[in-house]
PDB file of N, CA and C in Angstrom:
ATOM      1  N   MET A   1      -7.171 -20.146 -21.643  1.00  0.00           N
ATOM      2  CA  MET A   1      -6.476 -19.617 -20.339  1.00  0.00           C
ATOM      3  C   MET A   1      -6.946 -18.804 -19.651  1.00  0.00           C
ATOM      4  N   GLY A   2      -7.497 -17.865 -20.833  1.00  0.00           N
ATOM      5  CA  GLY A   2      -7.169 -16.329 -20.072  1.00  0.00           C
ATOM      6  C   GLY A   2      -6.057 -15.088 -21.005  1.00  0.00           C
ATOM      7  N   ALA A   3      -6.328 -14.215 -21.126  1.00  0.00           N
ATOM      8  CA  ALA A   3      -5.613 -13.113 -21.482  1.00  0.00           C
ATOM      9  C   ALA A   3      -4.887 -12.774 -21.293  1.00  0.00           C
ATOM     10  N   SER A   4      -3.127 -12.383 -21.580  1.00  0.00           N
ATOM     11  CA  SER A   4      -1.764 -12.418 -20.928  1.00  0.00           C
ATOM     12  C   SER A   4      -1.813 -10.648 -20.944  1.00  0.00           C
ATOM     13  N   GLY A   5      -2.516  -9.774 -22.358  1.00  0.00           N
ATOM     14  CA  GLY A   5      -2.717  -8.579 -22.383  1.00  0.00           C
ATOM     15  C   GLY A   5      -3.752  -8.043 -23.624  1.00  0.00           C
ATOM     16  N   TYR A   6      -3.440  -7.450 -23.775  1.00  0.00           N
ATOM     17  CA  TYR A   6      -4.335  -6.135 -24.600  1.00  0.00           C
ATOM     18  C   TYR A   6      -3.984  -5.392 -25.647  1.00  0.00           C
ATOM     19  N   VAL A   7      -4.309  -5.599 -26.710  1.00  0.00           N
ATOM     20  CA  VAL A   7      -3.677  -4.576 -28.040  1.00  0.00           C
ATOM     21  C   VAL A   7      -4.962  -4.129 -28.666  1.00  0.00           C
ATOM     22  N   LEU A   8      -4.520  -3.235 -28.994  1.00  0.00           N
ATOM     23  CA  LEU A   8      -5.930  -2.388 -29.874  1.00  0.00           C
ATOM     24  C   LEU A   8      -5.677  -2.891 -31.494  1.00  0.00           C
ATOM     25  N   LYS A   9      -6.467  -3.035 -32.277  1.00  0.00           N
ATOM     26  CA  LYS A   9      -6.578  -3.505 -33.464  1.00  0.00           C
ATOM     27  C   LYS A   9      -5.531  -2.552 -34.315  1.00  0.00           C
ATOM     28  N   SER A  10      -5.744  -1.123 -33.760  1.00  0.00           N
ATOM     29  CA  SER A  10      -5.016   0.148 -34.536  1.00  0.00           C
ATOM     30  C   SER A  10      -3.459  -0.067 -34.027  1.00  0.00           C
ATOM     31  N   SER A  11      -3.005  -0.723 -32.663  1.00  0.00           N
ATOM     32  CA  SER A  11      -1.700  -0.955 -32.352  1.00  0.00           C
ATOM     33  C   SER A  11      -0.959  -1.331 -33.572  1.00  0.00           C
ATOM     34  N   ALA A  12       0.641  -0.542 -33.148  1.00  0.00           N
ATOM     35  CA  ALA A  12       1.569  -0.854 -34.143  1.00  0.00           C
ATOM     36  C   ALA A  12       2.006  -2.301 -34.126  1.00  0.00           C
ATOM     37  N   THR A  13       2.711  -3.033 -35.280  1.00  0.00           N
ATOM     38  CA  THR A  13       3.243  -4.109 -35.224  1.00  0.00           C
ATOM     39  C   THR A  13       4.280  -4.202 -33.856  1.00  0.00           C
ATOM     40  N   SER A  14       5.385  -3.535 -33.577  1.00  0.00           N
ATOM     41  CA  SER A  14       6.167  -3.640 -32.591  1.00  0.00           C
ATOM     42  C   SER A  14       5.474  -3.309 -31.365  1.00  0.00           C
ATOM     43  N   GLU A  15       4.106  -3.166 -31.338  1.00  0.00           N
ATOM     44  CA  GLU A  15       3.667  -3.066 -29.680  1.00  0.00           C
ATOM     45  C   GLU A  15       2.783  -4.410 -29.707  1.00  0.00           C
ATOM     46  N   LEU A  16       2.796  -4.798 -30.165  1.00  0.00           N
ATOM     47  CA  LEU A  16       2.157  -6.614 -30.745  1.00  0.00           C
ATOM     48  C   LEU A  16       2.736  -7.745 -30.234  1.00  0.00           C
ATOM     49  N   ILE A  17       4.656  -7.046 -30.725  1.00  0.00           N
ATOM     50  CA  ILE A  17       5.456  -7.801 -30.277  1.00  0.00           C
ATOM     51  C   ILE A  17       5.949  -8.097 -29.298  1.00  0.00           C
ATOM     52  N   ASN A  18       5.659  -6.419 -28.542  1.00  0.00           N
ATOM     53  CA  ASN A  18       6.154  -6.097 -27.348  1.00  0.00           C
ATOM     54  C   ASN A  18       5.739  -7.164 -25.941  1.00  0.00           C
ATOM     55  N   ALA A  19       4.130  -7.249 -26.755  1.00  0.00           N
ATOM     56  CA  ALA A  19       2.951  -7.511 -25.509  1.00  0.00           C
ATOM     57  C   ALA A  19       3.322  -9.316 -25.939  1.00  0.00           C
ATOM     58  N   ILE A  20       3.416  -9.622 -26.776  1.00  0.00           N
ATOM     59  CA  ILE A  20       3.942 -11.179 -26.903  1.00  0.00           C
ATOM     60  C   ILE A  20       5.140 -11.594 -25.954  1.00  0.00           C
ATOM     61  N   HIS A  21       6.203 -10.510 -26.468  1.00  0.00           N
ATOM     62  CA  HIS A  21       7.403 -11.270 -25.274  1.00  0.00           C
ATOM     63  C   HIS A  21       6.699 -10.862 -24.036  1.00  0.00           C
ATOM     64  N   ASP A  22       6.322  -9.907 -23.581  1.00  0.00           N
ATOM     65  CA  ASP A  22       5.758  -9.586 -21.950  1.00  0.00           C
ATOM     66  C   ASP A  22       5.183 -10.922 -21.383  1.00  0.00           C
ATOM     67  N   ALA A  23       4.104 -11.294 -22.372  1.00  0.00           N
ATOM     68  CA  ALA A  23       3.158 -12.352 -22.201  1.00  0.00           C
ATOM     69  C   ALA A  23       4.312 -13.949 -21.964  1.00  0.00           C
ATOM     70  N   ALA A  24       4.972 -13.942 -22.892  1.00  0.00           N
ATOM     71  CA  ALA A  24       5.993 -15.274 -22.863  1.00  0.00           C
ATOM     72  C   ALA A  24       6.826 -15.321 -21.901  1.00  0.00           C
ATOM     73  N   ARG A  25       7.276 -13.808 -21.218  1.00  0.00           N
ATOM     74  CA  ARG A  25       7.665 -13.878 -19.817  1.00  0.00           C
ATOM     75  C   ARG A  25       6.954 -13.876 -18.731  1.00  0.00           C
ATOM     76  N   GLY A  26       5.201 -14.240 -18.642  1.00  0.00           N
ATOM     77  CA  GLY A  26       4.947 -14.408 -17.544  1.00  0.00           C
ATOM     78  C   GLY A  26       4.104 -12.872 -17.255  1.00  0.00           C
ATOM     79  N   ARG A  27       4.467 -12.202 -18.152  1.00  0.00           N
ATOM     80  CA  ARG A  27       4.037 -10.931 -17.619  1.00  0.00           C
ATOM     81  C   ARG A  27       2.655 -10.573 -18.457  1.00  0.00           C
ATOM     82  N   SER A  28       1.789  -9.310 -17.936  1.00  0.00           N
ATOM     83  CA  SER A  28       0.730  -8.409 -18.539  1.00  0.00           C
ATOM     84  C   SER A  28       1.207  -7.550 -19.129  1.00  0.00           C
ATOM     85  N   TYR A  29       0.380  -7.243 -20.188  1.00  0.00           N
ATOM     86  CA  TYR A  29       0.798  -6.124 -21.129  1.00  0.00           C
ATOM     87  C   TYR A  29      -0.675  -5.289 -21.470  1.00  0.00           C
ATOM     88  N   ILE A  30      -0.874  -4.236 -21.327  1.00  0.00           N
ATOM     89  CA  ILE A  30      -1.821  -3.430 -21.725  1.00  0.00           C
ATOM     90  C   ILE A  30      -1.376  -2.254 -22.389  1.00  0.00           C
ATOM     91  N   THR A  31      -2.047  -2.038 -23.456  1.00  0.00           N
ATOM     92  CA  THR A  31      -1.735  -1.127 -24.385  1.00  0.00           C
ATOM     93  C   THR A  31      -1.688   0.364 -23.887  1.00  0.00           C
ATOM     94  N   PRO A  32      -0.595   1.556 -24.002  1.00  0.00           N
ATOM     95  CA  PRO A  32      -0.798   2.371 -23.230  1.00  0.00           C
ATOM     96  C   PRO A  32      -1.782   3.682 -23.475  1.00  0.00           C
ATOM     97  N   LEU A  33      -2.618   3.244 -24.787  1.00  0.00           N
ATOM     98  CA  LEU A  33      -3.682   3.842 -25.088  1.00  0.00           C
ATOM     99  C   LEU A  33      -4.910   3.760 -24.324  1.00  0.00           C
ATOM    100  N   MET A  34      -4.933   2.464 -23.908  1.00  0.00           N
ATOM    101  CA  MET A  34      -6.115   1.776 -22.643  1.00  0.00           C
ATOM    102  C   MET A  34      -5.629   2.239 -21.622  1.00  0.00           C
ATOM    103  N   THR A  35      -4.394   2.491 -20.579  1.00  0.00           N
ATOM    104  CA  THR A  35      -3.934   2.931 -19.673  1.00  0.00           C
ATOM    105  C   THR A  35      -4.060   4.285 -19.515  1.00  0.00           C
ATOM    106  N   LYS A  36      -4.159   5.000 -20.536  1.00  0.00           N
ATOM    107  CA  LYS A  36      -4.249   6.987 -20.760  1.00  0.00           C
ATOM    108  C   LYS A  36      -5.691   6.765 -19.889  1.00  0.00           C
ATOM    109  N   GLY A  37      -6.442   6.339 -20.301  1.00  0.00           N
ATOM    110  CA  GLY A  37      -8.156   6.512 -19.812  1.00  0.00           C
ATOM    111  C   GLY A  37      -8.080   6.033 -18.455  1.00  0.00           C
ATOM    112  N   MET A  38      -7.715   4.837 -18.068  1.00  0.00           N
ATOM    113  CA  MET A  38      -7.555   3.907 -17.060  1.00  0.00           C
ATOM    114  C   MET A  38      -7.297   5.066 -15.812  1.00  0.00           C
ATOM    115  N   VAL A  39      -6.209   5.362 -16.185  1.00  0.00           N
ATOM    116  CA  VAL A  39      -5.467   6.186 -15.129  1.00  0.00           C
ATOM    117  C   VAL A  39      -6.439   7.649 -14.489  1.00  0.00           C
ATOM    118  N   GLY A  40      -6.588   8.354 -15.460  1.00  0.00           N
ATOM    119  CA  GLY A  40      -7.291   9.395 -15.236  1.00  0.00           C
ATOM    120  C   GLY A  40      -8.792   9.129 -14.400  1.00  0.00           C
ATOM    121  N   THR A  41      -9.362   7.938 -14.715  1.00  0.00           N
ATOM    122  CA  THR A  41     -10.441   7.942 -14.082  1.00  0.00           C
ATOM    123  C   THR A  41     -10.360   7.311 -12.457  1.00  0.00           C
ATOM    124  N   PHE A  42      -8.984   6.397 -12.476  1.00  0.00           N
ATOM    125  CA  PHE A  42      -8.739   5.991 -11.174  1.00  0.00           C
ATOM    126  C   PHE A  42      -8.072   7.209 -10.305  1.00  0.00           C
ATOM    127  N   PHE A  43      -7.531   8.299 -10.735  1.00  0.00           N
ATOM    128  CA  PHE A  43      -7.660   9.336 -10.046  1.00  0.00           C
ATOM    129  C   PHE A  43      -8.523  10.131  -9.439  1.00  0.00           C
ATOM    130  N   GLN A  44      -9.388  10.241 -10.808  1.00  0.00           N
ATOM    131  CA  GLN A  44     -10.715  11.140 -10.408  1.00  0.00           C
ATOM    132  C   GLN A  44     -12.035  10.313  -8.929  1.00  0.00           C
ATOM    133  N   ASN A  45     -11.503   8.671  -8.905  1.00  0.00           N
ATOM    134  CA  ASN A  45     -12.276   8.354  -8.042  1.00  0.00           C
ATOM    135  C   ASN A  45     -11.669   7.910  -6.529  1.00  0.00           C
ATOM    136  N   VAL A  46     -10.697   8.228  -6.653  1.00  0.00           N
ATOM    137  CA  VAL A  46      -9.287   7.486  -5.594  1.00  0.00           C
ATOM    138  C   VAL A  46     -10.336   8.619  -4.499  1.00  0.00           C
ATOM    139  N   LYS A  47     -10.599   8.178  -3.050  1.00  0.00           N
ATOM    140  CA  LYS A  47     -10.650   8.968  -1.805  1.00  0.00           C
ATOM    141  C   LYS A  47      -9.540   9.783  -1.596  1.00  0.00           C
ATOM    142  N   PRO A  48      -9.434  10.922  -1.296  1.00  0.00           N
ATOM    143  CA  PRO A  48      -7.849  10.744  -0.541  1.00  0.00           C
ATOM    144  C   PRO A  48      -7.953  10.100   0.923  1.00  0.00           C
ATOM    145  N   ARG A  49      -6.621  10.058   1.480  1.00  0.00           N
ATOM    146  CA  ARG A  49      -6.532   9.335   2.664  1.00  0.00           C
ATOM    147  C   ARG A  49      -6.973  10.883   3.348  1.00  0.00           C
ATOM    148  N   LYS A  50      -7.177  10.118   4.838  1.00  0.00           N
ATOM    149  CA  LYS A  50      -7.912  11.360   6.041  1.00  0.00           C
ATOM    150  C   LYS A  50      -6.158  11.914   6.148  1.00  0.00           C
ATOM    151  N   ASN A  51      -5.960  12.633   6.918  1.00  0.00           N
ATOM    152  CA  ASN A  51      -4.833  13.106   6.851  1.00  0.00           C
ATOM    153  C   ASN A  51      -4.084  12.702   8.014  1.00  0.00           C
ATOM    154  N   GLN A  52      -3.187  12.242   7.389  1.00  0.00           N
ATOM    155  CA  GLN A  52      -2.205  11.231   8.016  1.00  0.00           C
ATOM    156  C   GLN A  52      -1.267  12.242   9.214  1.00  0.00           C
ATOM    157  N   GLU A  53      -1.377  13.468   9.330  1.00  0.00           N
ATOM    158  CA  GLU A  53      -0.488  13.861  10.609  1.00  0.00           C
ATOM    159  C   GLU A  53      -1.232  13.937  11.628  1.00  0.00           C
ATOM    160  N   LYS A  54      -2.387  13.811  11.690  1.00  0.00           N
ATOM    161  CA  LYS A  54      -3.401  13.414  12.672  1.00  0.00           C
ATOM    162  C   LYS A  54      -3.351  12.272  13.919  1.00  0.00           C
ATOM    163  N   LEU A  55      -2.301  11.699  13.588  1.00  0.00           N
ATOM    164  CA  LEU A  55      -2.123  10.441  14.284  1.00  0.00           C
ATOM    165  C   LEU A  55      -1.760  10.866  16.051  1.00  0.00           C
ATOM    166  N   THR A  56      -2.665  10.289  16.912  1.00  0.00           N
ATOM    167  CA  THR A  56      -2.531  10.482  18.536  1.00  0.00           C
ATOM    168  C   THR A  56      -0.997  10.807  18.585  1.00  0.00           C
ATOM    169  N   LEU A  57      -0.447  11.241  19.641  1.00  0.00           N
ATOM    170  CA  LEU A  57       0.788  10.880  20.224  1.00  0.00           C
ATOM    171  C   LEU A  57       1.336   9.652  20.846  1.00  0.00           C
ATOM    172  N   ARG A  58      -0.016   8.951  21.625  1.00  0.00           N
ATOM    173  CA  ARG A  58       0.174   7.882  21.893  1.00  0.00           C
ATOM    174  C   ARG A  58       0.175   6.981  20.327  1.00  0.00           C
ATOM    175  N   GLN A  59      -0.764   6.881  19.885  1.00  0.00           N
ATOM    176  CA  GLN A  59      -0.248   6.187  18.177  1.00  0.00           C
ATOM    177  C   GLN A  59       0.800   6.185  17.627  1.00  0.00           C
ATOM    178  N   LYS A  60       1.494   7.244  17.613  1.00  0.00           N
ATOM    179  CA  LYS A  60       2.901   7.731  17.182  1.00  0.00           C
ATOM    180  C   LYS A  60       3.811   6.882  18.312  1.00  0.00           C
ATOM    181  N   GLU A  61       3.716   6.908  18.991  1.00  0.00           N
ATOM    182  CA  GLU A  61       4.534   5.899  19.961  1.00  0.00           C
ATOM    183  C   GLU A  61       4.562   4.442  19.570  1.00  0.00           C
ATOM    184  N   VAL A  62       3.191   4.110  19.691  1.00  0.00           N
ATOM    185  CA  VAL A  62       2.643   2.450  19.407  1.00  0.00           C
ATOM    186  C   VAL A  62       3.360   2.413  17.909  1.00  0.00           C
ATOM    187  N   LEU A  63       3.031   3.003  16.823  1.00  0.00           N
ATOM    188  CA  LEU A  63       3.711   2.828  15.566  1.00  0.00           C
ATOM    189  C   LEU A  63       5.368   2.762  15.809  1.00  0.00           C
ATOM    190  N   GLN A  64       5.626   3.744  16.107  1.00  0.00           N
ATOM    191  CA  GLN A  64       7.060   3.209  16.388  1.00  0.00           C
ATOM    192  C   GLN A  64       7.953   1.953  16.641  1.00  0.00           C
ATOM    193  N   LEU A  65       7.357   1.860  17.918  1.00  0.00           N
ATOM    194  CA  LEU A  65       7.748   0.471  18.390  1.00  0.00           C
ATOM    195  C   LEU A  65       7.353  -0.407  17.847  1.00  0.00           C
ATOM    196  N   LEU A  66       5.817  -0.736  17.541  1.00  0.00           N
ATOM    197  CA  LEU A  66       5.863  -1.867  16.445  1.00  0.00           C
ATOM    198  C   LEU A  66       6.827  -1.717  15.196  1.00  0.00           C
ATOM    199  N   ALA A  67       7.162  -0.521  14.981  1.00  0.00           N
ATOM    200  CA  ALA A  67       7.633  -0.336  13.365  1.00  0.00           C
ATOM    201  C   ALA A  67       9.304  -0.745  13.798  1.00  0.00           C
ATOM    202  N   GLU A  68       9.810  -0.947  14.846  1.00  0.00           N
ATOM    203  CA  GLU A  68      11.025  -1.169  15.630  1.00  0.00           C
ATOM    204  C   GLU A  68      11.027  -2.821  15.249  1.00  0.00           C
ATOM    205  N   GLY A  69      10.075  -3.064  15.428  1.00  0.00           N
ATOM    206  CA  GLY A  69      10.198  -4.593  15.048  1.00  0.00           C
ATOM    207  C   GLY A  69       9.706  -5.343  16.802  1.00  0.00           C
ATOM    208  N   ARG A  70       8.974  -4.885  17.572  1.00  0.00           N
ATOM    209  CA  ARG A  70       8.591  -5.584  18.682  1.00  0.00           C
ATOM    210  C   ARG A  70       7.586  -5.989  18.252  1.00  0.00           C
ATOM    211  N   SER A  71       7.068  -6.950  19.330  1.00  0.00           N
ATOM    212  CA  SER A  71       5.590  -7.421  19.537  1.00  0.00           C
ATOM    213  C   SER A  71       4.821  -6.910  20.322  1.00  0.00           C
ATOM    214  N   MET A  72       3.571  -7.017  20.133  1.00  0.00           N
ATOM    215  CA  MET A  72       2.859  -6.170  20.608  1.00  0.00           C
ATOM    216  C   MET A  72       2.241  -6.357  22.343  1.00  0.00           C
ATOM    217  N   LYS A  73       2.649  -7.637  22.368  1.00  0.00           N
ATOM    218  CA  LYS A  73       2.980  -7.985  23.775  1.00  0.00           C
ATOM    219  C   LYS A  73       4.138  -6.974  24.634  1.00  0.00           C
ATOM    220  N   GLU A  74       5.251  -6.910  23.439  1.00  0.00           N
ATOM    221  CA  GLU A  74       6.163  -6.261  24.323  1.00  0.00           C
ATOM    222  C   GLU A  74       6.049  -4.847  24.257  1.00  0.00           C
ATOM    223  N   VAL A  75       5.143  -4.199  23.195  1.00  0.00           N
ATOM    224  CA  VAL A  75       5.007  -2.863  23.656  1.00  0.00           C
ATOM    225  C   VAL A  75       4.072  -2.242  24.524  1.00  0.00           C
ATOM    226  N   ALA A  76       3.105  -3.442  24.729  1.00  0.00           N
ATOM    227  CA  ALA A  76       2.164  -3.249  26.016  1.00  0.00           C
ATOM    228  C   ALA A  76       2.711  -3.317  27.357  1.00  0.00           C
ATOM    229  N   PHE A  77       3.806  -3.873  27.645  1.00  0.00           N
ATOM    230  CA  PHE A  77       4.703  -4.028  28.823  1.00  0.00           C
ATOM    231  C   PHE A  77       5.327  -2.984  28.673  1.00  0.00           C
ATOM    232  N   MET A  78       5.637  -2.431  27.352  1.00  0.00           N
ATOM    233  CA  MET A  78       6.432  -1.352  27.751  1.00  0.00           C
ATOM    234  C   MET A  78       5.905   0.084  27.989  1.00  0.00           C
ATOM    235  N   LEU A  79       4.258   0.325  27.236  1.00  0.00           N
ATOM    236  CA  LEU A  79       3.776   1.125  28.156  1.00  0.00           C
ATOM    237  C   LEU A  79       2.913   1.163  29.092  1.00  0.00           C
ATOM    238  N   ASN A  80       3.130  -0.186  29.528  1.00  0.00           N
ATOM    239  CA  ASN A  80       2.022  -0.278  30.517  1.00  0.00           C
ATOM    240  C   ASN A  80       0.538  -0.426  30.260  1.00  0.00           C
ATOM    241  N   VAL A  81       0.194  -0.942  29.120  1.00  0.00           N
ATOM    242  CA  VAL A  81      -1.042  -0.943  29.130  1.00  0.00           C
ATOM    243  C   VAL A  81      -1.247  -2.679  28.371  1.00  0.00           C
ATOM    244  N   THR A  82      -2.633  -3.168  27.879  1.00  0.00           N
ATOM    245  CA  THR A  82      -2.680  -4.407  27.422  1.00  0.00           C
ATOM    246  C   THR A  82      -2.373  -4.775  26.146  1.00  0.00           C
ATOM    247  N   PRO A  83      -2.367  -5.932  25.623  1.00  0.00           N
ATOM    248  CA  PRO A  83      -2.208  -6.471  24.463  1.00  0.00           C
ATOM    249  C   PRO A  83      -2.582  -5.657  23.280  1.00  0.00           C
ATOM    250  N   ARG A  84      -4.061  -6.108  24.509  1.00  0.00           N
ATOM    251  CA  ARG A  84      -5.795  -5.711  23.170  1.00  0.00           C
ATOM    252  C   ARG A  84      -5.465  -4.163  22.887  1.00  0.00           C
ATOM    253  N   THR A  85      -5.256  -3.333  23.947  1.00  0.00           N
ATOM    254  CA  THR A  85      -4.940  -1.700  24.140  1.00  0.00           C
ATOM    255  C   THR A  85      -3.869  -1.665  22.708  1.00  0.00           C
ATOM    256  N   ILE A  86      -2.775  -2.348  22.569  1.00  0.00           N
ATOM    257  CA  ILE A  86      -1.882  -1.842  21.865  1.00  0.00           C
ATOM    258  C   ILE A  86      -2.747  -2.860  20.157  1.00  0.00           C
ATOM    259  N   ALA A  87      -3.097  -3.486  20.240  1.00  0.00           N
ATOM    260  CA  ALA A  87      -3.781  -3.653  18.679  1.00  0.00           C
ATOM    261  C   ALA A  87      -5.169  -3.253  18.810  1.00  0.00           C
ATOM    262  N   PHE A  88      -5.742  -2.508  19.637  1.00  0.00           N
ATOM    263  CA  PHE A  88      -6.747  -1.272  19.346  1.00  0.00           C
ATOM    264  C   PHE A  88      -6.192  -0.432  18.604  1.00  0.00           C
ATOM    265  N   HIS A  89      -5.018   0.216  18.905  1.00  0.00           N
ATOM    266  CA  HIS A  89      -3.962   1.223  18.632  1.00  0.00           C
ATOM    267  C   HIS A  89      -3.950   0.789  16.784  1.00  0.00           C
ATOM    268  N   LYS A  90      -3.563  -0.260  16.893  1.00  0.00           N
ATOM    269  CA  LYS A  90      -2.934  -0.567  15.869  1.00  0.00           C
ATOM    270  C   LYS A  90      -4.031  -0.742  14.486  1.00  0.00           C
ATOM    271  N   TYR A  91      -5.108  -1.271  14.977  1.00  0.00           N
ATOM    272  CA  TYR A  91      -5.925  -1.220  13.668  1.00  0.00           C
ATOM    273  C   TYR A  91      -6.761  -0.004  13.257  1.00  0.00           C
ATOM    274  N   THR A  92      -6.555   1.028  14.578  1.00  0.00           N
ATOM    275  CA  THR A  92      -7.112   2.012  14.586  1.00  0.00           C
ATOM    276  C   THR A  92      -6.621   3.012  13.457  1.00  0.00           C
ATOM    277  N   MET A  93      -5.319   2.998  13.448  1.00  0.00           N
ATOM    278  CA  MET A  93      -4.619   3.878  13.010  1.00  0.00           C
ATOM    279  C   MET A  93      -4.532   3.160  11.420  1.00  0.00           C
ATOM    280  N   MET A  94      -4.640   1.671  11.078  1.00  0.00           N
ATOM    281  CA  MET A  94      -4.751   1.146  10.068  1.00  0.00           C
ATOM    282  C   MET A  94      -5.948   1.718   9.006  1.00  0.00           C
ATOM    283  N   GLU A  95      -7.206   1.664  10.292  1.00  0.00           N
ATOM    284  CA  GLU A  95      -8.189   2.380   9.533  1.00  0.00           C
ATOM    285  C   GLU A  95      -8.419   3.921   9.245  1.00  0.00           C
ATOM    286  N   HIS A  96      -7.620   4.548   9.582  1.00  0.00           N
ATOM    287  CA  HIS A  96      -7.482   5.815   9.799  1.00  0.00           C
ATOM    288  C   HIS A  96      -6.748   6.397   8.683  1.00  0.00           C
ATOM    289  N   LEU A  97      -5.758   5.804   8.475  1.00  0.00           N
ATOM    290  CA  LEU A  97      -4.904   5.779   7.314  1.00  0.00           C
ATOM    291  C   LEU A  97      -5.271   5.136   6.169  1.00  0.00           C
ATOM    292  N   ARG A  98      -6.353   4.093   6.341  1.00  0.00           N
ATOM    293  CA  ARG A  98      -6.890   3.071   5.071  1.00  0.00           C
ATOM    294  C   ARG A  98      -5.951   2.405   4.364  1.00  0.00           C
ATOM    295  N   LEU A  99      -5.213   1.886   5.571  1.00  0.00           N
ATOM    296  CA  LEU A  99      -3.760   0.608   5.079  1.00  0.00           C
ATOM    297  C   LEU A  99      -4.806  -0.809   5.632  1.00  0.00           C
ATOM    298  N   LYS A 100      -4.114  -1.398   4.444  1.00  0.00           N
ATOM    299  CA  LYS A 100      -4.689  -2.914   4.695  1.00  0.00           C
ATOM    300  C   LYS A 100      -3.785  -3.971   5.457  1.00  0.00           C
ATOM    301  N   THR A 101      -2.206  -3.763   5.610  1.00  0.00           N
ATOM    302  CA  THR A 101      -1.716  -4.408   6.153  1.00  0.00           C
ATOM    303  C   THR A 101      -0.957  -4.165   7.043  1.00  0.00           C
ATOM    304  N   SER A 102      -0.143  -5.157   7.885  1.00  0.00           N
ATOM    305  CA  SER A 102       0.746  -4.425   9.175  1.00  0.00           C
ATOM    306  C   SER A 102       2.016  -3.982   8.154  1.00  0.00           C
ATOM    307  N   ALA A 103       2.210  -4.648   7.061  1.00  0.00           N
ATOM    308  CA  ALA A 103       3.526  -4.183   6.014  1.00  0.00           C
ATOM    309  C   ALA A 103       3.088  -2.999   5.933  1.00  0.00           C
ATOM    310  N   GLU A 104       2.381  -2.219   5.241  1.00  0.00           N
ATOM    311  CA  GLU A 104       1.568  -0.823   4.989  1.00  0.00           C
ATOM    312  C   GLU A 104       1.961   0.111   5.819  1.00  0.00           C
ATOM    313  N   LEU A 105       1.600  -0.329   7.238  1.00  0.00           N
ATOM    314  CA  LEU A 105       1.765  -0.004   8.565  1.00  0.00           C
ATOM    315  C   LEU A 105       3.219   0.428   8.645  1.00  0.00           C
ATOM    316  N   ILE A 106       4.033  -0.600   8.704  1.00  0.00           N
ATOM    317  CA  ILE A 106       5.322  -0.388   8.747  1.00  0.00           C
ATOM    318  C   ILE A 106       5.745   0.526   7.628  1.00  0.00           C
ATOM    319  N   GLN A 107       5.398   0.727   6.628  1.00  0.00           N
ATOM    320  CA  GLN A 107       5.858   1.352   5.261  1.00  0.00           C
ATOM    321  C   GLN A 107       5.472   2.770   5.614  1.00  0.00           C
ATOM    322  N   PHE A 108       4.378   3.265   6.865  1.00  0.00           N
ATOM    323  CA  PHE A 108       4.078   4.328   6.537  1.00  0.00           C
ATOM    324  C   PHE A 108       4.802   5.295   7.369  1.00  0.00           C
ATOM    325  N   ALA A 109       5.730   4.234   8.513  1.00  0.00           N
ATOM    326  CA  ALA A 109       6.207   5.107   9.680  1.00  0.00           C
ATOM    327  C   ALA A 109       7.377   4.911   8.927  1.00  0.00           C
ATOM    328  N   VAL A 110       8.432   4.218   8.091  1.00  0.00           N
ATOM    329  CA  VAL A 110       9.087   4.964   7.720  1.00  0.00           C
ATOM    330  C   VAL A 110       9.205   6.079   6.841  1.00  0.00           C
ATOM    331  N   LYS A 111       8.335   5.640   6.113  1.00  0.00           N
ATOM    332  CA  LYS A 111       8.337   7.105   5.118  1.00  0.00           C
ATOM    333  C   LYS A 111       7.907   8.150   6.014  1.00  0.00           C
ATOM    334  N   SER A 112       7.221   7.726   7.117  1.00  0.00           N
ATOM    335  CA  SER A 112       7.229   9.484   8.148  1.00  0.00           C
ATOM    336  C   SER A 112       8.158   9.542   8.936  1.00  0.00           C
ATOM    337  N   SER A 113       9.293   9.117   8.936  1.00  0.00           N
ATOM    338  CA  SER A 113      10.534   9.248   9.808  1.00  0.00           C
ATOM    339  C   SER A 113      10.384   8.743  10.983  1.00  0.00           C
ATOM    340  N   LEU A 114       9.276   8.113  11.288  1.00  0.00           N
ATOM    341  CA  LEU A 114       9.011   7.731  13.087  1.00  0.00           C
ATOM    342  C   LEU A 114      10.135   6.389  13.238  1.00  0.00           C
ATOM    343  N   VAL A 115      10.479   6.015  12.429  1.00  0.00           N
ATOM    344  CA  VAL A 115      11.898   4.556  12.134  1.00  0.00           C
ATOM    345  C   VAL A 115      12.468   5.205  11.256  1.00  0.00           C
ATOM    346  N   ALA A 116      13.785   4.499  11.375  1.00  0.00           N
ATOM    347  CA  ALA A 116      15.309   4.614  10.633  1.00  0.00           C
ATOM    348  C   ALA A 116      14.502   3.798   9.382  1.00  0.00           C
ATOM    349  N   ALA A 117      15.299   3.664   8.197  1.00  0.00           N
ATOM    350  CA  ALA A 117      14.836   3.054   7.357  1.00  0.00           C
ATOM    351  C   ALA A 117      15.636   1.700   7.758  1.00  0.00           C
TER     352      ALA A 117
END
């Protein structure tokens, strides 16, 4: 069926028991000895996000309205543009911020204090 965890031969017995308990609960387990090297490699290979502060005033305005729960049609009506223009702003922001989902975009808006949590 596949592995649910990974421990080294040199791992302590208690670590093996913890791994078995996690697997029985449907969780995954990887020994910290493995993850230490993986985390370092991950941080070396991560490309930094483009400067998040460089959203245009209009992008911030669109993002604020979307984060408030308004639809693209509503935002378009409020800003006197087409829904397609709003979609363009949304996807441009997502690409600029390297975000994959609308939910991540909304999280960014909250973290950036564009809207209240």
